[in-house]
Protein backbone atom coordinates (compact mmCIF):
# COMPACT_ATOMS: atom_id res chain seq x y z
CA UNK A 1 170.89 52.83 219.03
CA UNK A 2 169.93 54.20 215.62
CA UNK A 3 166.28 55.19 215.27
CA UNK A 4 164.76 55.22 211.81
CA UNK A 5 161.41 56.92 211.17
CA UNK A 6 159.23 55.67 208.32
CA UNK A 7 155.65 56.21 207.10
CA UNK A 8 153.14 54.11 209.07
CA UNK A 9 152.02 51.90 206.21
CA UNK A 10 152.42 48.54 207.99
CA UNK A 11 149.40 47.95 210.20
CA UNK A 12 151.01 45.25 212.36
CA UNK A 13 153.72 47.75 213.32
CA UNK A 14 151.11 50.40 214.16
CA UNK A 15 149.27 47.78 216.21
CA UNK A 16 152.47 47.04 218.15
CA UNK A 17 152.65 50.68 219.28
CA UNK A 18 148.97 51.71 219.54
CA UNK A 19 146.97 48.51 219.82
CA UNK A 20 145.50 47.04 222.97
CA UNK A 21 146.63 43.81 224.61
CA UNK A 22 143.05 42.57 224.33
CA UNK A 23 141.67 42.86 220.76
CA UNK A 24 138.21 43.73 222.10
CA UNK A 25 139.40 46.71 224.18
CA UNK A 26 138.21 50.19 223.23
CA UNK A 27 141.50 52.07 223.06
CA UNK A 28 142.03 55.32 221.21
CA UNK A 29 144.09 53.97 218.28
CA UNK A 30 144.82 57.68 217.72
CA UNK A 31 141.41 58.16 216.11
CA UNK A 32 139.93 60.73 218.52
CA UNK A 33 141.16 63.74 216.56
CA UNK A 34 141.26 62.03 213.17
CA UNK A 35 137.61 61.13 212.68
CA UNK A 36 134.28 62.82 213.43
CA UNK A 37 133.09 62.44 217.01
CA UNK A 38 130.03 60.41 216.03
CA UNK A 39 132.10 57.83 214.15
CA UNK A 40 134.66 57.78 216.98
CA UNK A 41 131.88 56.82 219.42
CA UNK A 42 130.41 54.21 217.04
CA UNK A 43 133.66 52.34 216.41
CA UNK A 44 134.06 49.78 219.17
CA UNK A 45 136.67 47.11 219.93
CA UNK A 46 138.17 45.43 216.84
CA UNK A 47 136.40 47.89 214.49
CA UNK A 48 138.80 50.61 215.68
CA UNK A 49 141.84 48.60 214.64
CA UNK A 50 140.20 47.66 211.34
CA UNK A 51 139.65 51.35 210.61
CA UNK A 52 143.34 52.09 211.31
CA UNK A 53 144.33 49.13 209.12
CA UNK A 54 142.47 50.76 206.22
CA UNK A 55 144.23 54.07 206.89
CA UNK A 56 147.61 52.32 206.73
CA UNK A 57 146.81 51.21 203.19
CA UNK A 58 146.03 54.74 201.96
CA UNK A 59 148.30 57.49 200.72
CA UNK A 60 149.46 59.24 202.71
CA UNK A 61 149.48 56.77 205.62
CA UNK A 62 148.14 58.03 208.98
CA UNK A 63 151.49 59.04 210.45
CA UNK A 64 155.01 57.83 211.07
CA UNK A 65 156.61 55.06 213.12
CA UNK A 66 160.00 55.02 214.79
CA UNK A 67 162.00 51.79 214.54
CA UNK A 68 164.91 50.45 216.53
CA UNK A 69 166.10 47.94 213.95
CA UNK A 70 162.94 46.07 212.95
CA UNK A 71 161.16 46.81 216.24
CA UNK A 72 158.50 49.57 216.07
CA UNK A 73 159.07 51.71 219.17
CA UNK A 74 157.13 54.92 218.58
CA UNK A 75 154.31 56.63 216.71
CA UNK A 76 153.42 60.15 215.61
CA UNK A 77 150.02 61.06 214.12
CA UNK A 78 150.39 63.55 211.30
CA UNK A 79 147.90 64.48 208.59
CA UNK A 80 146.42 67.47 206.79
CA UNK A 81 144.56 69.55 209.38
CA UNK A 82 141.55 69.58 207.03
CA UNK A 83 141.28 65.79 207.53
CA UNK A 84 141.17 66.06 211.33
CA UNK A 85 138.86 67.49 213.96
CA UNK A 86 141.34 70.37 214.35
CA UNK A 87 139.72 71.78 211.22
CA UNK A 88 136.60 72.40 213.34
CA UNK A 89 138.07 72.72 216.83
CA UNK A 90 136.77 75.79 218.69
CA UNK A 91 139.54 75.75 221.32
CA UNK A 92 142.50 75.67 218.94
CA UNK A 93 142.44 78.64 216.54
CA UNK A 94 143.27 78.86 212.88
CA UNK A 95 145.82 81.61 212.44
CA UNK A 96 145.43 81.87 208.67
CA UNK A 97 144.07 80.00 205.65
CA UNK A 98 147.27 78.07 204.88
CA UNK A 99 146.44 74.36 204.32
CA UNK A 100 148.68 73.24 207.18
CA UNK A 101 149.21 69.72 208.46
CA UNK A 102 148.73 68.76 212.10
CA UNK A 103 150.96 66.70 214.39
CA UNK A 104 148.88 65.84 217.45
CA UNK A 105 150.04 62.62 219.04
CA UNK A 106 153.42 61.19 219.96
CA UNK A 107 153.66 57.82 221.64
CA UNK A 108 156.77 55.90 222.66
CA UNK A 109 156.39 52.30 223.79
CA UNK A 110 157.18 51.49 227.42
CA UNK A 111 160.73 50.27 227.77
CA UNK A 112 161.93 52.64 225.03
CA UNK A 113 161.31 56.01 226.68
CA UNK A 114 163.96 58.59 227.55
CA UNK A 115 166.08 57.57 224.56
CA UNK A 116 165.33 60.47 222.21
CA UNK A 117 162.61 58.65 220.29
CA UNK A 118 160.05 61.46 220.64
CA UNK A 119 162.60 63.86 219.12
CA UNK A 120 163.16 61.44 216.23
CA UNK A 121 159.40 61.17 215.74
CA UNK A 122 158.99 64.94 215.52
CA UNK A 123 161.85 65.14 213.02
CA UNK A 124 160.35 62.24 211.04
CA UNK A 125 156.90 63.86 211.06
CA UNK A 126 158.45 67.05 209.67
CA UNK A 127 160.11 65.09 206.85
CA UNK A 128 156.86 63.19 206.17
CA UNK A 129 154.79 66.39 205.97
CA UNK A 130 157.40 68.03 203.75
CA UNK A 131 157.51 64.97 201.43
CA UNK A 132 153.72 65.27 201.09
CA UNK A 133 153.97 68.96 200.12
CA UNK A 134 152.63 70.40 203.37
CA UNK A 135 153.35 74.15 203.46
CA UNK A 136 153.59 74.12 207.27
CA UNK A 137 153.23 71.75 210.18
CA UNK A 138 151.30 72.63 213.32
CA UNK A 139 151.43 71.00 216.74
CA UNK A 140 149.35 71.61 219.85
CA UNK A 141 151.67 70.64 222.71
CA UNK A 142 151.38 71.19 226.42
CA UNK A 143 152.99 74.37 227.73
CA UNK A 144 154.01 72.78 231.02
CA UNK A 145 157.12 74.84 231.83
CA UNK A 146 159.06 72.76 234.35
CA UNK A 147 156.00 70.95 235.74
CA UNK A 148 155.85 67.19 235.42
CA UNK A 149 153.27 65.71 233.07
CA UNK A 150 151.59 62.33 233.50
CA UNK A 151 152.83 60.14 230.63
CA UNK A 152 149.32 59.15 229.55
CA UNK A 153 148.45 62.81 229.07
CA UNK A 154 151.71 63.82 227.38
CA UNK A 155 150.61 62.52 223.97
CA UNK A 156 150.40 66.01 222.35
CA UNK A 157 154.06 66.52 223.19
CA UNK A 158 155.75 69.22 225.20
CA UNK A 159 156.54 72.76 224.08
CA UNK A 160 160.29 72.39 224.68
CA UNK A 161 160.53 69.39 222.35
CA UNK A 162 158.87 71.28 219.53
CA UNK A 163 161.05 74.34 220.13
CA UNK A 164 164.11 72.09 219.77
CA UNK A 165 162.76 70.99 216.39
CA UNK A 166 162.38 74.59 215.18
CA UNK A 167 158.66 75.14 215.82
CA UNK A 168 157.63 78.55 217.11
CA UNK A 169 154.79 79.58 219.39
CA UNK A 170 152.15 80.91 217.02
CA UNK A 171 149.03 81.30 219.17
CA UNK A 172 147.57 80.56 222.55
CA UNK A 173 144.57 78.25 222.74
CA UNK A 174 141.75 77.75 225.22
CA UNK A 175 142.50 74.01 225.31
CA UNK A 176 143.77 72.58 228.61
CA UNK A 177 144.91 69.00 229.09
CA UNK A 178 145.88 67.45 232.44
CA UNK A 179 145.93 70.93 233.96
CA UNK A 180 148.36 72.33 231.40
CA UNK A 181 147.50 74.83 228.67
CA UNK A 182 148.02 73.75 225.09
CA UNK A 183 149.57 76.16 222.63
CA UNK A 184 149.64 76.24 218.86
CA UNK A 185 153.16 75.90 217.45
CA UNK A 186 154.07 75.99 213.79
CA UNK A 187 157.00 75.16 211.54
CA UNK A 188 157.04 76.67 208.04
CA UNK A 189 158.04 74.02 205.47
CA UNK A 190 158.13 76.22 202.36
C-alpha cells in the first residue's frame, strides 16, 4: 500500500473521513479547536459540514488527507496557531512569539488503522506547513508512555509518533485528556 498525503481541498473526501453517517448529527468535524467556542456551540447538524466545506475552498485548506489510491483514509488538522483556539488556550503555553502552526487532530478511518497512516499524516502535515512558510509546527499529543489510549481520545496523537517524526518535547502543559497529560512538542521548519 502506498499512502499519498495531499491538502484537504476536496470537501467530499474530508466528509468521508470526518463526516457523520447521519447528515443531521452534531459531530466535531474537527472544528472544536479551529473556531471560537461560541460559534462551535451555535453550529448544529449540517451547518457544521457546510462550514468545513467553505474551509476546504480557502487557501490554505484546513489540513491534509491521506489517500490509499483514490480512497481518503485519514485526516490531520493543521493551521496557523493564531487561527485556532490554541492562540488563547490557558492550559497549553506559548513558549515564544514565533508564529507557529498547530497540528492537533489525527484521524484514521476504521478498517485502515495500524497501517502507518498516522505516521504518513504527520509527515504530510509537516510538508504542508513547510509549503505554507510555517517557521515551526507544534503538536499537543498525549504523553501516555506505554499505557493504552482509547481510540476516540487519541485524536491529538501520541508522543512517540511525534518523536519518530523529529518533534521534540518543548513544554509541559496542564491539559489532560482521557487521563493522560498532553505535552507541547515542536518541530523547527526553518
